[in-house]
Every structure is written in C-alpha cells, then in structure tokens.
Amino acid sequence: MKTYAFELSGEHESLPRCEALALVEVFSTRFSEIEFLEQCLIVEAEGLDVKTLGRRLAMTHRIIEVLAVCPADLEALAEATSCLKLPPKKYLIRARRIRDAAPPADAVEREVGRILFQRGYRADLSHPEQLLRAIITSGRIVLGVEVARTDRSSFEMRRPHLKPFFHPGVLMPRMARALVNLTQVRAGEVLLDPFAGTCGILIEACLIGVNGVGIEVQPRLVNGALCNLQDLDCGLLLGDAKRLPLHDSSIDAAVLDTPYGRSAKIMAASKELLLRESLEELFRVIRPGRRMAIVADRSIEKMIEEVGFVLLQKHTDRVHRSLTRQIFICGR
C-alpha cells in the first residue's frame, strides 16, 4: 500500500477529514488511517484513484504521495531528504506552513533544494517534471510528491449570487459538494434533494457525474432553479418532501438542507411534522446500506433514529452569531 497525505483546508474543524476518508473508502480497495495532524490527514491505501478524488474533493487542497515524515527541524529534514528515492526528473519544491508551525516554509524549501542539488537533482521553476510538497504541521514535516490538486477556484465561480437565479439562505458550493461526498455516492448513481430550492446541492452532484433528482414544493423556486440547471443532466419536480413520487429503495443517496431561517417557507402544519414525515419518506426510498446527509438548525438525532436511520457522524457549522447548523450523516 502507498501512503498519502491530504492537505486539508482550515474552513471547518471536522468536515475536511471526514470528506477525505469517505472518498478514500469508496475509491480504494483497502485503506487505513495512519495519523491526523492539523489540516493534514495521512492514510495508507491500495489502488486509490487519486485523480477522481482530486476532481471531487471540496475541502482538500492537494493530495501528496508521502515519501518521508520527519520532526519539524531542518536537521531532520536534511536527513530525510538525503534518503528520498526520486526519479531523475527536474523538480519544484513548495512548502506550506499550517498556522504558526515552524520552521518557515521558505527555509524548508531551501533545505530540500540544497540536499537535492548535492545529490545531482536539478530544480526547474517554470517547467518542473515533478512537484514536491512539504506540509509543516503539528511538529512534523510531511514530504512527498503532489499527485492531485483540487480546483477550489471553480467553487468560487459558482457562488449563489453569481448564478442566474438566487435565493437567500442557501449552502455555499464547497459545503454542498462536501455533503455530497460524505454520502459516498458514485458517478452514475442517483442522489435526491427533497428540499431542492435553487438546486445548489444538485449542481455539485451533477458536476461529478451523479444523477441528481430534486423535489421542491414552491413553484416560484422550481421555475427559477431550472435556469440554474441549464446544460446539466438533472431532474427537478414540483412536489412535497412528505409524499415523494418515488419507488421504494430507488435512491442511492440523499442530501437535504432542511428549511430554517427567515427566508424558509414551511409548507406543513409545523416544522416538526415536516421533518418527521420527510425522514420517513427518505427511509422508504433510500436503498439499504446507503447514506444520507441532513442539515438542520437544531439537534434532530432522536427523530433520525426513531425513523430507523443510524447516526454515523454529527458536525456543527457556525454560520453567524444567531445560526449554528447541525450536520448529520446517517446510514440506512
């Protein structure tokens, strides 16, 4: 098995690690988590499809094939670099320091370059044949070859207010993609969003080859969201999450951002009734053994388990002073 390090984003405390592990489990033949450092997850995996992970991940910057892990001092780094097994290719070394970790990134780059020069390797800043990456974190330096990189700028281009149709109170694209990934849905499978809104979740699913199906109860939102779904293979229906027009065990995964906040419209006698009947319907339509991600503005663990789902993970996401979202990953 090979060892990989995921250079995680710092935008959330727990989601980046769990997103990476969810996809490693799906896109490798076997794996084990070795260590979790600050903004750096190290795993061993066999047959890992790093290119697919690079295209899918939202809360990871880079994936590195690890060549060495050493204490975070230049002497130990020099010793580790002198033992690296690298092909005779021109290289570029870049280091990233997590928060206030030491030593400085430029000192790490110089030391790696010095040792490699002594060993006969040559750097090329313009057209390198291999990209070396060092992560300085938690008293360690993780050194390896970059094998995949996520295009995080593309998420910025899909921010809600830049889409043809906008409605307040929606998830940001990186969060939506991370939730899709946490369900472990594969390309070609079907993912349901029963509170589709402006279809931000479905857009992220469709962009990685997942077949998205959305249900939305408000005609105005359905008409507007269709503008956002142009050129995407995605189905959107006017309907009620409490009465899904779907066969039993016909859906591979679901992601739902439940109604909350001032912009939310509750089309039921109460929010409690809406959530319970929607969860009952989701339990009916999701295939056994598959996953669902739920976003709510309060703890709903008891309701989730009463319906029949198994609670696998819980995360909190502080949006602002008056709103902390609760994120639940559930198994059917």
Protein backbone atom coordinates (compact mmCIF):
# COMPACT_ATOMS: atom_id res chain seq x y z
CA MET A 1 0.00 0.00 0.00
CA LYS A 2 1.06 3.58 -0.64
CA THR A 3 0.95 6.39 1.90
CA TYR A 4 -0.94 9.58 1.05
CA ALA A 5 -1.30 12.91 2.80
CA PHE A 6 -4.34 15.11 2.29
CA GLU A 7 -3.55 18.80 2.69
CA LEU A 8 -6.85 19.87 4.21
CA SER A 9 -8.47 23.28 4.22
CA GLY A 10 -8.97 25.01 7.53
CA GLU A 11 -12.55 26.16 6.89
CA HIS A 12 -14.09 23.57 9.21
CA GLU A 13 -12.82 21.57 12.16
CA SER A 14 -14.11 18.09 11.26
CA LEU A 15 -15.67 18.02 7.79
CA PRO A 16 -12.45 18.08 5.66
CA ARG A 17 -11.07 14.93 7.32
CA CYS A 18 -14.40 13.08 7.12
CA GLU A 19 -14.93 14.07 3.48
CA ALA A 20 -11.49 12.76 2.52
CA LEU A 21 -11.97 9.49 4.44
CA ALA A 22 -15.41 8.96 2.88
CA LEU A 23 -13.95 9.08 -0.63
CA VAL A 24 -10.83 7.08 0.24
CA GLU A 25 -13.12 4.29 1.45
CA VAL A 26 -15.04 4.30 -1.84
CA PHE A 27 -12.16 4.76 -4.27
CA SER A 28 -9.58 2.34 -2.88
CA THR A 29 -9.52 -1.42 -2.49
CA ARG A 30 -8.47 -1.11 1.16
CA PHE A 31 -7.13 1.62 3.41
CA SER A 32 -6.26 2.61 6.95
CA GLU A 33 -5.94 6.00 8.65
CA ILE A 34 -2.40 6.48 9.91
CA GLU A 35 -2.45 9.90 11.52
CA PHE A 36 -4.50 13.08 11.70
CA LEU A 37 -2.40 16.21 12.14
CA GLU A 38 -3.64 19.79 11.99
CA GLN A 39 -5.00 20.25 8.43
CA CYS A 40 -3.21 17.09 7.31
CA LEU A 41 -4.66 13.57 7.08
CA ILE A 42 -2.27 10.67 6.44
CA VAL A 43 -3.62 7.33 5.17
CA GLU A 44 -2.34 4.12 3.68
CA ALA A 45 -4.36 2.94 0.70
CA GLU A 46 -4.21 0.35 -2.04
CA GLY A 47 -5.46 1.15 -5.54
CA LEU A 48 -6.52 4.69 -4.58
CA ASP A 49 -7.97 6.64 -7.52
CA VAL A 50 -6.31 9.96 -6.67
CA LYS A 51 -7.39 11.68 -9.88
CA THR A 52 -11.06 11.10 -9.12
CA LEU A 53 -10.55 12.34 -5.59
CA GLY A 54 -8.82 15.45 -6.92
CA ARG A 55 -11.85 16.19 -9.12
CA ARG A 56 -14.37 15.57 -6.34
CA LEU A 57 -12.96 16.90 -3.09
CA ALA A 58 -14.08 20.31 -1.87
CA MET A 59 -12.23 20.76 1.44
CA THR A 60 -8.80 19.44 0.41
CA HIS A 61 -6.12 21.49 -1.33
CA ARG A 62 -3.78 18.73 -2.52
CA ILE A 63 -3.11 15.01 -2.30
CA ILE A 64 0.51 14.02 -1.77
CA GLU A 65 2.14 10.62 -2.10
CA VAL A 66 4.23 10.62 1.06
CA LEU A 67 7.95 9.94 0.79
CA ALA A 68 9.01 10.93 4.31
CA VAL A 69 7.65 12.22 7.61
CA CYS A 70 10.19 13.75 9.98
CA PRO A 71 10.38 16.03 13.02
CA ALA A 72 9.90 19.70 12.17
CA ASP A 73 13.53 20.81 12.24
CA LEU A 74 15.96 21.40 9.40
CA GLU A 75 18.50 18.80 10.52
CA ALA A 76 15.91 16.03 10.49
CA LEU A 77 14.60 17.33 7.16
CA ALA A 78 18.08 17.20 5.63
CA GLU A 79 18.49 13.59 6.76
CA ALA A 80 15.08 12.61 5.37
CA THR A 81 15.72 14.37 2.05
CA SER A 82 19.07 12.60 1.65
CA CYS A 83 17.23 9.27 1.70
CA LEU A 84 14.44 10.16 -0.76
CA LYS A 85 14.01 7.86 -3.72
CA LEU A 86 13.14 10.12 -6.63
CA PRO A 87 13.26 9.62 -10.41
CA PRO A 88 15.93 11.73 -12.17
CA LYS A 89 13.46 14.46 -13.17
CA LYS A 90 13.52 18.23 -12.80
CA TYR A 91 11.54 19.24 -9.74
CA LEU A 92 9.83 22.12 -8.00
CA ILE A 93 9.59 22.16 -4.19
CA ARG A 94 6.91 24.12 -2.39
CA ALA A 95 6.16 24.09 1.33
CA ARG A 96 3.13 25.17 3.32
CA ARG A 97 3.22 26.05 6.99
CA ILE A 98 -0.01 25.39 8.89
CA ARG A 99 -0.82 28.32 11.17
CA ASP A 100 2.27 29.20 13.25
CA ALA A 101 4.13 25.90 12.77
CA ALA A 102 7.92 26.07 12.47
CA PRO A 103 10.30 26.16 10.63
CA PRO A 104 9.28 28.73 7.98
CA ALA A 105 8.18 27.44 4.57
CA ASP A 106 10.99 29.19 2.68
CA ALA A 107 13.61 27.62 4.99
CA VAL A 108 12.15 24.16 4.30
CA GLU A 109 12.22 24.78 0.55
CA ARG A 110 15.85 25.93 0.67
CA GLU A 111 16.97 22.94 2.74
CA VAL A 112 15.27 20.39 0.48
CA GLY A 113 16.74 22.16 -2.55
CA ARG A 114 20.23 22.19 -1.04
CA ILE A 115 20.27 18.46 -0.35
CA LEU A 116 18.76 17.53 -3.71
CA PHE A 117 21.31 19.72 -5.52
CA GLN A 118 24.11 17.89 -3.71
CA ARG A 119 22.58 14.61 -4.89
CA GLY A 120 22.56 15.76 -8.51
CA TYR A 121 18.91 16.73 -8.92
CA ARG A 122 18.01 19.94 -10.70
CA ALA A 123 15.16 22.32 -10.00
CA ASP A 124 13.02 23.93 -12.68
CA LEU A 125 10.68 26.69 -11.56
CA SER A 126 8.97 27.08 -14.93
CA HIS A 127 8.50 23.55 -16.27
CA PRO A 128 9.06 21.01 -13.49
CA GLU A 129 8.58 17.32 -14.22
CA GLN A 130 7.66 16.52 -10.62
CA LEU A 131 6.11 18.66 -7.90
CA LEU A 132 7.43 18.11 -4.40
CA ARG A 133 5.32 19.32 -1.49
CA ALA A 134 6.11 19.75 2.19
CA ILE A 135 3.46 20.31 4.87
CA ILE A 136 4.74 21.76 8.14
CA THR A 137 2.26 20.97 10.90
CA SER A 138 1.94 19.67 14.46
CA GLY A 139 5.68 19.32 14.97
CA ARG A 140 6.16 17.32 11.76
CA ILE A 141 7.21 17.87 8.18
CA VAL A 142 5.33 15.68 5.69
CA LEU A 143 7.27 15.49 2.43
CA GLY A 144 6.14 13.91 -0.81
CA VAL A 145 5.12 14.20 -4.45
CA GLU A 146 1.92 16.00 -5.37
CA VAL A 147 -0.37 13.57 -7.21
CA ALA A 148 -3.63 15.55 -7.32
CA ARG A 149 -4.87 19.08 -6.73
CA THR A 150 -8.41 20.34 -6.31
CA ASP A 151 -9.67 23.29 -8.35
CA ARG A 152 -11.05 25.28 -5.44
CA SER A 153 -11.38 28.43 -7.56
CA SER A 154 -14.19 26.76 -9.54
CA PHE A 155 -16.33 26.73 -6.40
CA GLU A 156 -15.94 30.49 -6.09
CA MET A 157 -17.29 30.88 -9.63
CA ARG A 158 -20.44 29.04 -8.56
CA ARG A 159 -21.22 31.15 -5.51
CA PRO A 160 -25.02 31.51 -5.12
CA HIS A 161 -25.27 35.21 -6.02
CA LEU A 162 -23.42 34.58 -9.31
CA LYS A 163 -25.98 32.07 -10.59
CA PRO A 164 -28.88 33.07 -12.87
CA PHE A 165 -31.40 32.55 -10.07
CA PHE A 166 -30.63 33.48 -6.45
CA HIS A 167 -32.50 32.92 -3.21
CA PRO A 168 -31.03 33.73 0.24
CA GLY A 169 -30.10 31.18 2.87
CA VAL A 170 -28.54 28.52 0.65
CA LEU A 171 -25.39 26.42 1.15
CA MET A 172 -22.12 27.57 -0.37
CA PRO A 173 -20.82 25.31 -3.18
CA ARG A 174 -17.89 23.84 -1.22
CA MET A 175 -20.17 22.86 1.64
CA ALA A 176 -22.73 21.38 -0.78
CA ARG A 177 -20.03 19.33 -2.55
CA ALA A 178 -18.59 18.10 0.74
CA LEU A 179 -22.03 16.87 1.82
CA VAL A 180 -22.49 15.06 -1.49
CA ASN A 181 -19.10 13.39 -0.99
CA LEU A 182 -19.94 12.38 2.56
CA THR A 183 -22.82 10.25 1.22
CA GLN A 184 -20.24 8.23 -0.79
CA VAL A 185 -22.41 8.42 -3.91
CA ARG A 186 -20.68 7.39 -7.14
CA ALA A 187 -20.92 8.72 -10.69
CA GLY A 188 -23.95 7.23 -12.42
CA GLU A 189 -25.88 6.72 -9.19
CA VAL A 190 -28.92 8.74 -8.11
CA LEU A 191 -28.86 11.41 -5.41
CA LEU A 192 -32.04 13.04 -4.11
CA ASP A 193 -32.52 16.52 -2.65
CA PRO A 194 -36.13 16.71 -1.36
CA PHE A 195 -35.77 20.42 -0.45
CA ALA A 196 -34.09 21.40 -3.70
CA GLY A 197 -34.55 25.19 -3.52
CA THR A 198 -32.19 26.79 -6.05
CA CYS A 199 -30.54 23.37 -6.67
CA GLY A 200 -27.06 24.19 -5.38
CA ILE A 201 -26.65 20.67 -3.97
CA LEU A 202 -27.83 19.04 -7.21
CA ILE A 203 -25.46 21.17 -9.28
CA GLU A 204 -22.49 19.92 -7.27
CA ALA A 205 -23.70 16.33 -7.64
CA CYS A 206 -24.20 16.62 -11.40
CA LEU A 207 -20.73 18.13 -11.92
CA ILE A 208 -19.15 14.90 -10.66
CA GLY A 209 -21.34 12.64 -12.81
CA VAL A 210 -24.04 11.85 -10.25
CA ASN A 211 -27.65 11.78 -11.45
CA GLY A 212 -29.46 14.43 -9.43
CA VAL A 213 -33.18 14.39 -8.63
CA GLY A 214 -34.74 17.36 -6.87
CA ILE A 215 -38.13 17.87 -5.25
CA GLU A 216 -39.31 21.42 -4.47
CA VAL A 217 -42.72 22.43 -3.14
CA GLN A 218 -42.68 26.10 -4.23
CA PRO A 219 -43.48 26.73 -7.93
CA ARG A 220 -41.53 30.00 -7.91
CA LEU A 221 -38.35 28.23 -6.81
CA VAL A 222 -38.82 25.44 -9.35
CA ASN A 223 -39.14 27.94 -12.20
CA GLY A 224 -36.10 29.87 -11.04
CA ALA A 225 -33.96 26.82 -10.32
CA LEU A 226 -34.47 25.50 -13.84
CA CYS A 227 -32.35 28.45 -15.00
CA ASN A 228 -29.51 27.24 -12.77
CA LEU A 229 -29.73 23.69 -14.16
CA GLN A 230 -29.20 24.58 -17.82
CA ASP A 231 -26.85 22.14 -19.59
CA LEU A 232 -26.90 19.76 -16.59
CA ASP A 233 -28.46 16.29 -16.62
CA CYS A 234 -30.67 16.78 -13.60
CA GLY A 235 -34.34 16.20 -12.84
CA LEU A 236 -36.41 18.71 -10.87
CA LEU A 237 -40.03 18.09 -9.87
CA LEU A 238 -42.68 20.19 -8.20
CA GLY A 239 -43.68 18.09 -5.23
CA ASP A 240 -43.81 17.54 -1.48
CA ALA A 241 -40.95 16.04 0.53
CA LYS A 242 -43.57 14.39 2.76
CA ARG A 243 -45.01 12.48 -0.22
CA LEU A 244 -42.13 11.62 -2.53
CA PRO A 245 -43.17 10.44 -6.01
CA LEU A 246 -40.51 7.71 -5.97
CA HIS A 247 -40.45 3.92 -5.68
CA ASP A 248 -39.22 2.14 -2.57
CA SER A 249 -35.42 1.69 -2.40
CA SER A 250 -34.90 3.62 -5.65
CA ILE A 251 -32.37 6.24 -4.48
CA ASP A 252 -28.66 5.71 -3.77
CA ALA A 253 -28.10 8.78 -1.57
CA ALA A 254 -29.73 11.98 -0.35
CA VAL A 255 -28.58 15.41 0.79
CA LEU A 256 -31.08 17.84 2.29
CA ASP A 257 -30.78 21.31 3.70
CA THR A 258 -33.96 21.45 5.76
CA PRO A 259 -36.00 24.70 5.90
CA TYR A 260 -34.91 27.18 8.57
CA GLY A 261 -34.25 30.90 8.87
CA ARG A 262 -36.31 33.88 7.79
CA SER A 263 -36.26 33.02 4.07
CA ALA A 264 -37.59 29.48 4.62
CA LYS A 265 -41.22 28.72 3.88
CA ILE A 266 -42.73 25.81 5.81
CA MET A 267 -45.44 24.11 3.72
CA ALA A 268 -46.75 21.94 6.58
CA ALA A 269 -48.63 22.23 9.85
CA SER A 270 -45.30 22.51 11.69
CA LYS A 271 -41.56 22.13 11.11
CA GLU A 272 -41.62 19.07 13.37
CA LEU A 273 -44.24 17.36 11.19
CA LEU A 274 -42.40 18.33 8.01
CA LEU A 275 -39.12 16.84 9.22
CA ARG A 276 -40.60 13.63 10.60
CA GLU A 277 -42.74 12.79 7.56
CA SER A 278 -39.89 13.73 5.19
CA LEU A 279 -37.48 11.46 7.05
CA GLU A 280 -39.98 8.62 6.94
CA GLU A 281 -40.25 9.05 3.17
CA LEU A 282 -36.48 9.15 2.80
CA PHE A 283 -36.15 5.92 4.78
CA ARG A 284 -38.59 4.37 2.30
CA VAL A 285 -36.86 5.49 -0.90
CA ILE A 286 -33.14 5.18 0.00
CA ARG A 287 -31.55 1.82 -0.68
CA PRO A 288 -30.46 -0.22 2.37
CA GLY A 289 -26.80 0.24 3.23
CA ARG A 290 -26.58 3.72 1.71
CA ARG A 291 -26.08 7.19 3.23
CA MET A 292 -27.84 10.49 3.67
CA ALA A 293 -26.61 13.93 4.81
CA ILE A 294 -29.00 16.27 6.64
CA VAL A 295 -28.51 19.94 7.55
CA ALA A 296 -30.73 21.39 10.26
CA ASP A 297 -30.75 24.32 12.66
CA ARG A 298 -31.12 22.12 15.74
CA SER A 299 -30.38 18.67 17.09
CA ILE A 300 -32.64 16.05 15.50
CA GLU A 301 -30.73 12.89 16.44
CA LYS A 302 -33.68 11.36 18.27
CA MET A 303 -36.01 11.84 15.30
CA ILE A 304 -33.43 10.42 12.88
CA GLU A 305 -33.03 7.26 14.95
CA GLU A 306 -36.76 6.87 15.63
CA VAL A 307 -37.41 6.79 11.89
CA GLY A 308 -34.87 3.97 11.51
CA PHE A 309 -31.65 5.60 10.32
CA VAL A 310 -28.30 5.01 12.05
CA LEU A 311 -26.46 8.19 13.01
CA LEU A 312 -22.88 7.86 11.74
CA GLN A 313 -21.49 11.37 12.22
CA LYS A 314 -22.52 14.73 13.63
CA HIS A 315 -20.86 18.05 12.79
CA THR A 316 -21.59 21.65 13.76
CA ASP A 317 -21.12 24.63 11.46
CA ARG A 318 -21.33 28.13 12.94
CA VAL A 319 -22.67 30.41 10.20
CA HIS A 320 -23.10 33.55 12.29
CA ARG A 321 -23.97 34.60 15.82
CA SER A 322 -27.61 33.53 15.61
CA LEU A 323 -27.23 30.39 13.45
CA THR A 324 -25.21 27.24 14.05
CA ARG A 325 -26.07 24.49 11.61
CA GLN A 326 -26.15 20.84 12.67
CA ILE A 327 -24.96 18.35 10.06
CA PHE A 328 -25.90 14.68 10.38
CA ILE A 329 -24.52 11.80 8.31
CA CYS A 330 -26.91 8.85 8.50
CA GLY A 331 -26.92 5.26 7.31
CA ARG A 332 -29.99 3.42 6.01
